[in-house]
Amino acid sequence: MKVKVKTKKAAAKRFKKTGTGKLSRMKANKSHILNKKTTKRKRNLRKDALVDATSEKTMKKLLPYL
C-alpha cells in the first residue's frame, strides 16, 4: 500500500513556483516598525526573491506537488 505524501501547508502559503521551476518567496522585515526604514528600503522589500540553491532542495521536499 502506497502512502500519500502530504504538502506542508505553512510552506505552501509562503512559496510559489516560477515558470522555470524555481521557488519565489516574499522578503522579510515588511510587517511593522516601518517608520525607521527608508522609502527606498521598503520599496525594495515589496519585490519577491528567489529561494537560494542550498534551501531549494529542502523546500521541494516540503512541497511535493508544487
PDB file of N, CA and C in Angstrom:
ATOM      1  N   MET A   1       0.833  -1.183   0.000  1.00  0.00           N
ATOM      2  CA  MET A   1       0.000   0.000   0.000  1.00  0.00           C
ATOM      3  C   MET A   1       0.879   1.249   0.000  1.00  0.00           C
ATOM      4  N   LYS A   2       0.579   2.177  -0.882  1.00  0.00           N
ATOM      5  CA  LYS A   2       1.376   3.389  -1.004  1.00  0.00           C
ATOM      6  C   LYS A   2       0.810   4.481  -0.103  1.00  0.00           C
ATOM      7  N   VAL A   3       1.703   5.195   0.567  1.00  0.00           N
ATOM      8  CA  VAL A   3       1.297   6.265   1.470  1.00  0.00           C
ATOM      9  C   VAL A   3       1.331   7.591   0.725  1.00  0.00           C
ATOM     10  N   LYS A   4       0.316   8.413   0.919  1.00  0.00           N
ATOM     11  CA  LYS A   4       0.280   9.730   0.300  1.00  0.00           C
ATOM     12  C   LYS A   4       1.322  10.629   0.941  1.00  0.00           C
ATOM     13  N   VAL A   5       1.944  11.469   0.136  1.00  0.00           N
ATOM     14  CA  VAL A   5       2.883  12.458   0.651  1.00  0.00           C
ATOM     15  C   VAL A   5       2.103  13.746   0.868  1.00  0.00           C
ATOM     16  N   LYS A   6       2.130  14.254   2.076  1.00  0.00           N
ATOM     17  CA  LYS A   6       1.363  15.459   2.379  1.00  0.00           C
ATOM     18  C   LYS A   6       2.201  16.709   2.159  1.00  0.00           C
ATOM     19  N   THR A   7       1.554  17.737   1.627  1.00  0.00           N
ATOM     20  CA  THR A   7       2.172  19.046   1.460  1.00  0.00           C
ATOM     21  C   THR A   7       2.175  19.751   2.806  1.00  0.00           C
ATOM     22  N   LYS A   8       3.292  20.386   3.151  1.00  0.00           N
ATOM     23  CA  LYS A   8       3.351  21.198   4.363  1.00  0.00           C
ATOM     24  C   LYS A   8       2.667  22.522   4.059  1.00  0.00           C
ATOM     25  N   LYS A   9       1.512  22.745   4.663  1.00  0.00           N
ATOM     26  CA  LYS A   9       0.668  23.887   4.341  1.00  0.00           C
ATOM     27  C   LYS A   9       1.333  25.223   4.672  1.00  0.00           C
ATOM     28  N   ALA A  10       2.135  25.257   5.724  1.00  0.00           N
ATOM     29  CA  ALA A  10       2.835  26.500   6.078  1.00  0.00           C
ATOM     30  C   ALA A  10       3.774  26.915   4.957  1.00  0.00           C
ATOM     31  N   ALA A  11       4.430  25.949   4.348  1.00  0.00           N
ATOM     32  CA  ALA A  11       5.344  26.243   3.234  1.00  0.00           C
ATOM     33  C   ALA A  11       4.566  26.599   1.973  1.00  0.00           C
ATOM     34  N   ALA A  12       3.440  25.945   1.748  1.00  0.00           N
ATOM     35  CA  ALA A  12       2.640  26.191   0.543  1.00  0.00           C
ATOM     36  C   ALA A  12       2.118  27.623   0.503  1.00  0.00           C
ATOM     37  N   LYS A  13       1.866  28.200   1.669  1.00  0.00           N
ATOM     38  CA  LYS A  13       1.373  29.576   1.727  1.00  0.00           C
ATOM     39  C   LYS A  13       2.483  30.589   1.461  1.00  0.00           C
ATOM     40  N   ARG A  14       3.739  30.182   1.636  1.00  0.00           N
ATOM     41  CA  ARG A  14       4.856  31.120   1.551  1.00  0.00           C
ATOM     42  C   ARG A  14       5.627  31.081   0.242  1.00  0.00           C
ATOM     43  N   PHE A  15       5.507  30.010  -0.511  1.00  0.00           N
ATOM     44  CA  PHE A  15       6.308  29.861  -1.723  1.00  0.00           C
ATOM     45  C   PHE A  15       5.439  29.636  -2.949  1.00  0.00           C
ATOM     46  N   LYS A  16       5.910  30.167  -4.088  1.00  0.00           N
ATOM     47  CA  LYS A  16       5.253  29.938  -5.376  1.00  0.00           C
ATOM     48  C   LYS A  16       6.304  29.462  -6.353  1.00  0.00           C
ATOM     49  N   LYS A  17       5.891  28.670  -7.321  1.00  0.00           N
ATOM     50  CA  LYS A  17       6.827  28.189  -8.323  1.00  0.00           C
ATOM     51  C   LYS A  17       6.837  29.146  -9.510  1.00  0.00           C
ATOM     52  N   THR A  18       8.032  29.447 -10.008  1.00  0.00           N
ATOM     53  CA  THR A  18       8.155  30.322 -11.174  1.00  0.00           C
ATOM     54  C   THR A  18       8.015  29.477 -12.444  1.00  0.00           C
ATOM     55  N   GLY A  19       8.026  30.136 -13.574  1.00  0.00           N
ATOM     56  CA  GLY A  19       7.891  29.440 -14.845  1.00  0.00           C
ATOM     57  C   GLY A  19       9.046  28.491 -15.134  1.00  0.00           C
ATOM     58  N   THR A  20      10.227  28.817 -14.605  1.00  0.00           N
ATOM     59  CA  THR A  20      11.406  27.976 -14.839  1.00  0.00           C
ATOM     60  C   THR A  20      11.550  26.868 -13.805  1.00  0.00           C
ATOM     61  N   GLY A  21      10.613  26.812 -12.831  1.00  0.00           N
ATOM     62  CA  GLY A  21      10.650  25.750 -11.825  1.00  0.00           C
ATOM     63  C   GLY A  21      11.343  26.121 -10.531  1.00  0.00           C
ATOM     64  N   LYS A  22      11.824  27.357 -10.426  1.00  0.00           N
ATOM     65  CA  LYS A  22      12.442  27.801  -9.179  1.00  0.00           C
ATOM     66  C   LYS A  22      11.348  28.246  -8.213  1.00  0.00           C
ATOM     67  N   LEU A  23      11.715  28.440  -6.949  1.00  0.00           N
ATOM     68  CA  LEU A  23      10.747  28.873  -5.945  1.00  0.00           C
ATOM     69  C   LEU A  23      10.943  30.353  -5.638  1.00  0.00           C
ATOM     70  N   SER A  24       9.850  31.091  -5.589  1.00  0.00           N
ATOM     71  CA  SER A  24       9.932  32.506  -5.210  1.00  0.00           C
ATOM     72  C   SER A  24       9.324  32.686  -3.836  1.00  0.00           C
ATOM     73  N   ARG A  25       9.801  33.703  -3.134  1.00  0.00           N
ATOM     74  CA  ARG A  25       9.345  33.995  -1.776  1.00  0.00           C
ATOM     75  C   ARG A  25       9.269  35.496  -1.610  1.00  0.00           C
ATOM     76  N   MET A  26       8.535  35.936  -0.602  1.00  0.00           N
ATOM     77  CA  MET A  26       8.494  37.361  -0.295  1.00  0.00           C
ATOM     78  C   MET A  26       9.605  37.675   0.705  1.00  0.00           C
ATOM     79  N   LYS A  27      10.071  38.909   0.680  1.00  0.00           N
ATOM     80  CA  LYS A  27      11.147  39.314   1.585  1.00  0.00           C
ATOM     81  C   LYS A  27      10.605  39.610   2.976  1.00  0.00           C
ATOM     82  N   ALA A  28      11.461  39.477   3.962  1.00  0.00           N
ATOM     83  CA  ALA A  28      11.080  39.704   5.355  1.00  0.00           C
ATOM     84  C   ALA A  28      11.210  41.189   5.716  1.00  0.00           C
ATOM     85  N   ASN A  29      10.860  41.539   6.938  1.00  0.00           N
ATOM     86  CA  ASN A  29      11.015  42.885   7.513  1.00  0.00           C
ATOM     87  C   ASN A  29      10.083  43.929   6.905  1.00  0.00           C
ATOM     88  N   LYS A  30       8.865  43.530   6.522  1.00  0.00           N
ATOM     89  CA  LYS A  30       7.938  44.483   5.893  1.00  0.00           C
ATOM     90  C   LYS A  30       6.615  44.546   6.653  1.00  0.00           C
ATOM     91  N   SER A  31       6.559  44.045   7.877  1.00  0.00           N
ATOM     92  CA  SER A  31       5.272  43.993   8.561  1.00  0.00           C
ATOM     93  C   SER A  31       5.069  45.086   9.610  1.00  0.00           C
ATOM     94  N   HIS A  32       6.115  45.452  10.331  1.00  0.00           N
ATOM     95  CA  HIS A  32       5.953  46.502  11.351  1.00  0.00           C
ATOM     96  C   HIS A  32       7.286  47.213  11.570  1.00  0.00           C
ATOM     97  N   ILE A  33       7.263  48.245  12.403  1.00  0.00           N
ATOM     98  CA  ILE A  33       8.415  49.138  12.641  1.00  0.00           C
ATOM     99  C   ILE A  33       8.915  49.683  11.295  1.00  0.00           C
ATOM    100  N   LEU A  34       7.986  50.267  10.540  1.00  0.00           N
ATOM    101  CA  LEU A  34       8.325  50.747   9.205  1.00  0.00           C
ATOM    102  C   LEU A  34       8.756  52.214   9.186  1.00  0.00           C
ATOM    103  N   ASN A  35       8.510  52.949  10.278  1.00  0.00           N
ATOM    104  CA  ASN A  35       8.817  54.385  10.259  1.00  0.00           C
ATOM    105  C   ASN A  35      10.318  54.664  10.258  1.00  0.00           C
ATOM    106  N   LYS A  36      11.139  53.758  10.777  1.00  0.00           N
ATOM    107  CA  LYS A  36      12.587  53.995  10.762  1.00  0.00           C
ATOM    108  C   LYS A  36      13.247  53.509   9.478  1.00  0.00           C
ATOM    109  N   LYS A  37      12.509  52.761   8.656  1.00  0.00           N
ATOM    110  CA  LYS A  37      13.058  52.255   7.391  1.00  0.00           C
ATOM    111  C   LYS A  37      12.802  53.268   6.281  1.00  0.00           C
ATOM    112  N   THR A  38      13.769  53.427   5.409  1.00  0.00           N
ATOM    113  CA  THR A  38      13.643  54.416   4.340  1.00  0.00           C
ATOM    114  C   THR A  38      12.633  53.934   3.300  1.00  0.00           C
ATOM    115  N   THR A  39      12.129  54.879   2.524  1.00  0.00           N
ATOM    116  CA  THR A  39      11.158  54.566   1.471  1.00  0.00           C
ATOM    117  C   THR A  39      11.770  53.623   0.448  1.00  0.00           C
ATOM    118  N   LYS A  40      13.024  53.864   0.128  1.00  0.00           N
ATOM    119  CA  LYS A  40      13.719  53.015  -0.842  1.00  0.00           C
ATOM    120  C   LYS A  40      13.820  51.578  -0.336  1.00  0.00           C
ATOM    121  N   ARG A  41      14.146  51.441   0.937  1.00  0.00           N
ATOM    122  CA  ARG A  41      14.274  50.113   1.536  1.00  0.00           C
ATOM    123  C   ARG A  41      12.939  49.372   1.538  1.00  0.00           C
ATOM    124  N   LYS A  42      11.867  50.093   1.894  1.00  0.00           N
ATOM    125  CA  LYS A  42      10.530  49.493   1.921  1.00  0.00           C
ATOM    126  C   LYS A  42      10.066  49.114   0.519  1.00  0.00           C
ATOM    127  N   ARG A  43      10.407  49.929  -0.462  1.00  0.00           N
ATOM    128  CA  ARG A  43      10.046  49.643  -1.853  1.00  0.00           C
ATOM    129  C   ARG A  43      10.747  48.373  -2.339  1.00  0.00           C
ATOM    130  N   ASN A  44      12.014  48.217  -1.976  1.00  0.00           N
ATOM    131  CA  ASN A  44      12.757  47.020  -2.380  1.00  0.00           C
ATOM    132  C   ASN A  44      12.276  45.764  -1.659  1.00  0.00           C
ATOM    133  N   LEU A  45      11.701  45.928  -0.473  1.00  0.00           N
ATOM    134  CA  LEU A  45      11.170  44.778   0.269  1.00  0.00           C
ATOM    135  C   LEU A  45       9.865  44.263  -0.334  1.00  0.00           C
ATOM    136  N   ARG A  46       9.207  45.080  -1.166  1.00  0.00           N
ATOM    137  CA  ARG A  46       7.966  44.652  -1.810  1.00  0.00           C
ATOM    138  C   ARG A  46       8.202  43.578  -2.862  1.00  0.00           C
ATOM    139  N   LYS A  47       9.375  43.602  -3.473  1.00  0.00           N
ATOM    140  CA  LYS A  47       9.675  42.661  -4.555  1.00  0.00           C
ATOM    141  C   LYS A  47       9.884  41.263  -3.990  1.00  0.00           C
ATOM    142  N   ASP A  48       9.539  40.262  -4.802  1.00  0.00           N
ATOM    143  CA  ASP A  48       9.791  38.902  -4.342  1.00  0.00           C
ATOM    144  C   ASP A  48      11.208  38.494  -4.704  1.00  0.00           C
ATOM    145  N   ALA A  49      11.717  37.483  -4.014  1.00  0.00           N
ATOM    146  CA  ALA A  49      13.078  36.991  -4.218  1.00  0.00           C
ATOM    147  C   ALA A  49      13.014  35.498  -4.508  1.00  0.00           C
ATOM    148  N   LEU A  50      14.100  34.967  -5.027  1.00  0.00           N
ATOM    149  CA  LEU A  50      14.175  33.529  -5.278  1.00  0.00           C
ATOM    150  C   LEU A  50      14.775  32.834  -4.068  1.00  0.00           C
ATOM    151  N   VAL A  51      14.346  31.608  -3.832  1.00  0.00           N
ATOM    152  CA  VAL A  51      14.923  30.794  -2.766  1.00  0.00           C
ATOM    153  C   VAL A  51      16.310  30.371  -3.232  1.00  0.00           C
ATOM    154  N   ASP A  52      17.307  30.483  -2.345  1.00  0.00           N
ATOM    155  CA  ASP A  52      18.668  30.145  -2.758  1.00  0.00           C
ATOM    156  C   ASP A  52      18.822  28.637  -2.964  1.00  0.00           C
ATOM    157  N   ALA A  53      19.835  28.275  -3.718  1.00  0.00           N
ATOM    158  CA  ALA A  53      20.028  26.888  -4.162  1.00  0.00           C
ATOM    159  C   ALA A  53      20.207  25.910  -3.003  1.00  0.00           C
ATOM    160  N   THR A  54      20.792  26.383  -1.888  1.00  0.00           N
ATOM    161  CA  THR A  54      21.023  25.482  -0.756  1.00  0.00           C
ATOM    162  C   THR A  54      19.723  25.080  -0.067  1.00  0.00           C
ATOM    163  N   SER A  55      18.726  25.971  -0.066  1.00  0.00           N
ATOM    164  CA  SER A  55      17.451  25.686   0.588  1.00  0.00           C
ATOM    165  C   SER A  55      16.414  25.083  -0.349  1.00  0.00           C
ATOM    166  N   GLU A  56      16.633  25.203  -1.645  1.00  0.00           N
ATOM    167  CA  GLU A  56      15.610  24.811  -2.613  1.00  0.00           C
ATOM    168  C   GLU A  56      15.279  23.320  -2.552  1.00  0.00           C
ATOM    169  N   LYS A  57      16.293  22.491  -2.355  1.00  0.00           N
ATOM    170  CA  LYS A  57      16.080  21.042  -2.281  1.00  0.00           C
ATOM    171  C   LYS A  57      15.181  20.691  -1.091  1.00  0.00           C
ATOM    172  N   THR A  58      15.424  21.317   0.045  1.00  0.00           N
ATOM    173  CA  THR A  58      14.613  21.097   1.248  1.00  0.00           C
ATOM    174  C   THR A  58      13.180  21.557   1.038  1.00  0.00           C
ATOM    175  N   MET A  59      13.017  22.729   0.414  1.00  0.00           N
ATOM    176  CA  MET A  59      11.682  23.279   0.182  1.00  0.00           C
ATOM    177  C   MET A  59      10.877  22.398  -0.768  1.00  0.00           C
ATOM    178  N   LYS A  60      11.531  21.835  -1.761  1.00  0.00           N
ATOM    179  CA  LYS A  60      10.823  20.975  -2.709  1.00  0.00           C
ATOM    180  C   LYS A  60      10.353  19.678  -2.062  1.00  0.00           C
ATOM    181  N   LYS A  61      11.038  19.237  -0.996  1.00  0.00           N
ATOM    182  CA  LYS A  61      10.572  18.067  -0.229  1.00  0.00           C
ATOM    183  C   LYS A  61       9.303  18.419   0.546  1.00  0.00           C
ATOM    184  N   LEU A  62       9.231  19.650   1.039  1.00  0.00           N
ATOM    185  CA  LEU A  62       8.049  20.099   1.789  1.00  0.00           C
ATOM    186  C   LEU A  62       6.864  20.304   0.867  1.00  0.00           C
ATOM    187  N   LEU A  63       7.138  20.568  -0.407  1.00  0.00           N
ATOM    188  CA  LEU A  63       6.089  20.875  -1.386  1.00  0.00           C
ATOM    189  C   LEU A  63       6.147  19.869  -2.538  1.00  0.00           C
ATOM    190  N   PRO A  64       5.736  18.633  -2.301  1.00  0.00           N
ATOM    191  CA  PRO A  64       5.906  17.608  -3.339  1.00  0.00           C
ATOM    192  C   PRO A  64       5.064  17.823  -4.578  1.00  0.00           C
ATOM    193  N   TYR A  65       3.937  18.521  -4.485  1.00  0.00           N
ATOM    194  CA  TYR A  65       3.037  18.674  -5.633  1.00  0.00           C
ATOM    195  C   TYR A  65       3.044  20.071  -6.217  1.00  0.00           C
ATOM    196  N   LEU A  66       3.981  20.901  -5.780  1.00  0.00           N
ATOM    197  CA  LEU A  66       4.041  22.269  -6.291  1.00  0.00           C
ATOM    198  C   LEU A  66       4.825  22.300  -7.594  1.00  0.00           C
TER     199      LEU A  66
END
